[in-house]
């Protein structure tokens, strides 16, 4: 049995090296994006997540500092994440103009 497990680990390692993407990287990135999308904050649906050597980097734009902190809080306890590099930019004016565009004028 231990020989079978060792062979499986070796096979997974070779597949990771061949594809260039580790299973852990995929699991962490998909997990982070799933949490952000499930948050109910539409702006967080568009945050990109990149995981490398224990560091999860968040990139994108949000309208408030609060949302920047919410994003970080949602992903901080994912397995494998030792550090979060929060590169989200707060750009309130960008979203204010979008809100005005989506409003229906009242008579």
Protein backbone atom coordinates (compact mmCIF):
# COMPACT_ATOMS: atom_id res chain seq x y z
CA UNK A 1 0.00 0.00 0.00
CA UNK A 2 2.71 2.58 0.86
CA UNK A 3 4.36 1.79 -2.48
CA UNK A 4 1.10 2.60 -4.30
CA UNK A 5 0.79 5.93 -2.45
CA UNK A 6 4.40 6.83 -3.23
CA UNK A 7 3.83 6.03 -6.89
CA UNK A 8 0.67 8.19 -6.94
CA UNK A 9 2.56 11.11 -5.34
CA UNK A 10 5.33 10.77 -7.89
CA UNK A 11 2.81 10.70 -10.74
CA UNK A 12 1.07 13.84 -9.40
CA UNK A 13 4.41 15.60 -9.06
CA UNK A 14 5.36 14.73 -12.63
CA UNK A 15 1.96 15.93 -13.88
CA UNK A 16 2.39 19.21 -11.99
CA UNK A 17 5.85 19.71 -13.45
CA UNK A 18 4.56 18.94 -16.94
CA UNK A 19 1.58 21.29 -16.69
CA UNK A 20 3.47 23.95 -14.76
CA UNK A 21 0.50 24.39 -12.43
CA UNK A 22 0.34 22.69 -9.06
CA UNK A 23 -2.84 21.18 -7.72
CA UNK A 24 -2.48 23.33 -4.59
CA UNK A 25 -2.32 26.49 -6.74
CA UNK A 26 -5.53 25.54 -8.54
CA UNK A 27 -7.33 24.58 -5.34
CA UNK A 28 -6.40 27.80 -3.53
CA UNK A 29 -7.19 30.09 -6.46
CA UNK A 30 -10.55 28.47 -7.19
CA UNK A 31 -11.39 28.40 -3.47
CA UNK A 32 -10.59 32.09 -3.09
CA UNK A 33 -12.61 33.09 -6.14
CA UNK A 34 -15.55 30.97 -4.97
CA UNK A 35 -15.59 32.69 -1.59
CA UNK A 36 -15.43 36.13 -3.17
CA UNK A 37 -18.28 35.33 -5.58
CA UNK A 38 -20.42 33.89 -2.80
CA UNK A 39 -19.99 37.00 -0.66
CA UNK A 40 -22.92 38.90 -2.13
CA UNK A 41 -20.71 41.86 -3.05
CA UNK A 42 -20.87 42.12 -6.84
CA UNK A 43 -17.57 43.99 -7.09
CA UNK A 44 -15.74 41.07 -5.48
CA UNK A 45 -16.85 38.79 -8.35
CA UNK A 46 -14.24 40.48 -10.53
CA UNK A 47 -11.24 40.20 -8.18
CA UNK A 48 -8.44 38.06 -9.57
CA UNK A 49 -6.60 35.64 -7.30
CA UNK A 50 -3.10 34.32 -7.87
CA UNK A 51 -1.36 31.85 -5.54
CA UNK A 52 2.38 31.25 -5.46
CA UNK A 53 4.54 29.72 -2.72
CA UNK A 54 2.06 30.32 0.12
CA UNK A 55 1.18 33.89 -0.93
CA UNK A 56 -2.29 34.69 -2.27
CA UNK A 57 -2.37 37.92 -4.28
CA UNK A 58 -5.66 39.76 -4.82
CA UNK A 59 -5.88 42.19 -7.76
CA UNK A 60 -8.61 44.39 -9.15
CA UNK A 61 -10.64 47.46 -8.28
CA UNK A 62 -13.26 48.06 -5.59
CA UNK A 63 -15.15 51.19 -4.65
CA UNK A 64 -14.37 51.29 -0.92
CA UNK A 65 -11.65 50.44 1.54
CA UNK A 66 -14.27 48.35 3.38
CA UNK A 67 -14.65 46.04 0.35
CA UNK A 68 -10.87 45.73 0.10
CA UNK A 69 -10.82 44.51 3.71
CA UNK A 70 -13.84 42.22 3.21
CA UNK A 71 -12.07 40.49 0.32
CA UNK A 72 -9.00 39.86 2.43
CA UNK A 73 -11.05 38.57 5.35
CA UNK A 74 -12.97 36.12 3.14
CA UNK A 75 -9.83 34.35 1.89
CA UNK A 76 -7.45 34.60 4.84
CA UNK A 77 -8.17 31.15 6.33
CA UNK A 78 -7.85 29.07 3.15
CA UNK A 79 -5.59 26.04 3.58
CA UNK A 80 -2.12 26.71 2.24
CA UNK A 81 -2.34 30.50 2.44
CA UNK A 82 0.38 31.86 4.68
CA UNK A 83 0.23 35.45 3.52
CA UNK A 84 -2.13 37.70 1.57
CA UNK A 85 -0.82 40.36 -0.78
CA UNK A 86 -3.84 42.65 -1.12
CA UNK A 87 -3.26 44.63 -4.33
CA UNK A 88 -6.89 45.73 -4.66
CA UNK A 89 -7.18 49.37 -5.66
CA UNK A 90 -9.89 51.60 -4.24
CA UNK A 91 -11.42 53.67 -7.03
CA UNK A 92 -14.66 55.18 -5.74
CA UNK A 93 -15.16 57.57 -8.65
CA UNK A 94 -15.11 54.69 -11.15
CA UNK A 95 -18.06 52.97 -9.47
CA UNK A 96 -19.97 56.18 -8.81
CA UNK A 97 -20.05 56.87 -12.54
CA UNK A 98 -21.22 53.30 -13.19
CA UNK A 99 -24.05 53.70 -10.66
CA UNK A 100 -25.27 56.86 -12.37
CA UNK A 101 -25.21 55.18 -15.76
CA UNK A 102 -27.39 52.31 -14.52
CA UNK A 103 -30.02 54.51 -12.93
CA UNK A 104 -33.32 55.07 -14.66
CA UNK A 105 -34.26 58.77 -14.80
CA UNK A 106 -37.37 59.68 -12.84
CA UNK A 107 -39.96 61.98 -14.44
